[in-house]
């Protein structure tokens, strides 16, 4: 199952795991065949802490995307507006079947040697 690994601040990764944040927002859309997101929780955790399936991808003007996602965005409108300031397109990944790992993994478990800035495509399961 093709997946992508995303760097996410620990508080947002936790909100996803807790079911408060049902959308992950990005400035770029991934490949069409990606069906799963793996979450790398950045410092101070610096571990891969969970995953979720992509139920739907919403893309469009930031104001439109906010209206469609605000009920479960898990972030404030002001944060959203700052994140997309000056950008014509917002991308929201609707998440489902979220799994928190009992034992967090390292990037090395996925054959990754650097922290991804946007995302990294994964073709294989961790070693």
Protein backbone atom coordinates (compact mmCIF):
# COMPACT_ATOMS: atom_id res chain seq x y z
CA UNK A 1 0.00 0.00 0.00
CA UNK A 2 1.74 3.21 -1.11
CA UNK A 3 2.11 5.66 1.76
CA UNK A 4 3.75 8.95 2.59
CA UNK A 5 5.59 9.90 5.73
CA UNK A 6 4.87 13.42 7.02
CA UNK A 7 6.62 15.51 9.65
CA UNK A 8 4.02 16.77 12.12
CA UNK A 9 4.46 18.78 15.32
CA UNK A 10 3.84 16.55 18.36
CA UNK A 11 0.74 18.44 19.51
CA UNK A 12 -0.93 17.97 16.12
CA UNK A 13 0.04 14.31 15.91
CA UNK A 14 -1.57 13.83 19.32
CA UNK A 15 -4.73 15.66 18.22
CA UNK A 16 -4.99 13.27 15.27
CA UNK A 17 -4.56 10.25 17.54
CA UNK A 18 -7.13 11.67 19.99
CA UNK A 19 -9.64 12.16 17.15
CA UNK A 20 -9.79 15.94 17.56
CA UNK A 21 -7.96 16.68 14.30
CA UNK A 22 -9.55 14.73 11.46
CA UNK A 23 -7.76 16.61 8.67
CA UNK A 24 -4.08 17.06 7.91
CA UNK A 25 -3.41 20.26 5.99
CA UNK A 26 -0.66 20.70 3.43
CA UNK A 27 0.32 23.14 0.72
CA UNK A 28 0.88 20.41 -1.87
CA UNK A 29 -1.06 17.37 -2.90
CA UNK A 30 0.62 13.97 -2.94
CA UNK A 31 0.48 11.39 -5.71
CA UNK A 32 -2.96 10.04 -6.55
CA UNK A 33 -2.10 6.46 -5.51
CA UNK A 34 -1.17 7.32 -1.89
CA UNK A 35 -3.70 5.81 0.52
CA UNK A 36 -1.94 6.07 3.88
CA UNK A 37 -0.11 8.71 5.92
CA UNK A 38 2.61 7.77 8.41
CA UNK A 39 3.19 10.42 11.11
CA UNK A 40 6.66 11.47 12.14
CA UNK A 41 6.26 13.47 15.35
CA UNK A 42 9.00 16.11 15.31
CA UNK A 43 11.22 17.22 18.21
CA UNK A 44 11.25 16.66 21.05
CA UNK A 45 9.67 13.24 20.27
CA UNK A 46 11.46 12.64 16.96
CA UNK A 47 9.68 9.32 16.41
CA UNK A 48 7.16 7.79 14.02
CA UNK A 49 4.10 7.60 16.25
CA UNK A 50 1.18 6.48 14.12
CA UNK A 51 -0.63 6.23 10.83
CA UNK A 52 -3.98 6.80 9.18
CA UNK A 53 -5.72 6.01 5.94
CA UNK A 54 -6.68 8.81 3.59
CA UNK A 55 -10.46 8.83 3.21
CA UNK A 56 -10.63 11.86 0.93
CA UNK A 57 -8.47 14.70 -0.38
CA UNK A 58 -10.02 18.16 -0.46
CA UNK A 59 -8.24 20.77 -2.55
CA UNK A 60 -9.21 24.31 -3.44
CA UNK A 61 -9.15 27.91 -2.36
CA UNK A 62 -8.16 28.16 1.30
CA UNK A 63 -11.48 29.80 2.28
CA UNK A 64 -13.43 26.96 0.66
CA UNK A 65 -11.29 24.26 2.24
CA UNK A 66 -11.67 25.89 5.66
CA UNK A 67 -15.47 25.93 5.35
CA UNK A 68 -15.47 22.22 4.49
CA UNK A 69 -13.08 21.19 7.28
CA UNK A 70 -13.46 23.65 10.17
CA UNK A 71 -15.74 21.29 12.14
CA UNK A 72 -12.82 18.88 12.68
CA UNK A 73 -9.72 20.84 11.66
CA UNK A 74 -8.08 20.58 15.08
CA UNK A 75 -6.46 23.99 14.50
CA UNK A 76 -7.68 27.55 14.85
CA UNK A 77 -8.89 29.61 11.94
CA UNK A 78 -6.11 32.14 12.56
CA UNK A 79 -3.46 29.39 12.38
CA UNK A 80 -5.05 28.09 9.17
CA UNK A 81 -5.09 31.57 7.61
CA UNK A 82 -1.46 32.20 8.56
CA UNK A 83 -0.40 28.81 7.14
CA UNK A 84 -2.05 29.51 3.78
CA UNK A 85 -1.35 33.25 3.57
CA UNK A 86 -0.53 34.16 -0.02
CA UNK A 87 -1.23 30.65 -1.29
CA UNK A 88 -4.00 30.09 -3.81
CA UNK A 89 -4.59 26.42 -2.96
CA UNK A 90 -5.07 24.50 0.28
CA UNK A 91 -5.00 20.70 0.54
CA UNK A 92 -6.74 18.78 3.33
CA UNK A 93 -6.36 15.05 3.84
CA UNK A 94 -9.44 13.58 5.56
CA UNK A 95 -8.16 10.83 7.85
CA UNK A 96 -9.76 7.57 8.94
CA UNK A 97 -8.70 4.42 10.78
CA UNK A 98 -6.07 6.21 12.82
CA UNK A 99 -3.60 3.94 14.60
CA UNK A 100 -1.25 5.05 17.37
CA UNK A 101 1.83 2.85 17.56
CA UNK A 102 2.37 1.15 20.92
CA UNK A 103 6.09 1.29 20.22
CA UNK A 104 7.14 4.38 18.23
CA UNK A 105 9.44 3.71 15.30
CA UNK A 106 12.49 5.58 14.05
CA UNK A 107 13.02 7.07 10.61
CA UNK A 108 15.76 4.48 10.13
CA UNK A 109 13.10 1.76 10.43
CA UNK A 110 11.77 3.14 7.13
CA UNK A 111 15.19 3.53 5.53
CA UNK A 112 15.06 7.31 5.91
CA UNK A 113 18.17 9.17 7.01
CA UNK A 114 16.84 12.74 7.14
CA UNK A 115 13.76 14.49 8.51
CA UNK A 116 11.38 15.13 5.60
CA UNK A 117 10.56 18.79 4.91
CA UNK A 118 7.29 18.10 3.08
CA UNK A 119 6.80 14.35 2.77
CA UNK A 120 8.57 11.19 1.70
CA UNK A 121 6.91 8.47 -0.34
CA UNK A 122 7.14 4.97 1.11
CA UNK A 123 6.71 1.87 -0.98
CA UNK A 124 7.58 -0.72 1.66
CA UNK A 125 6.60 -1.42 5.25
CA UNK A 126 9.22 -0.69 7.93
CA UNK A 127 12.03 -3.14 8.51
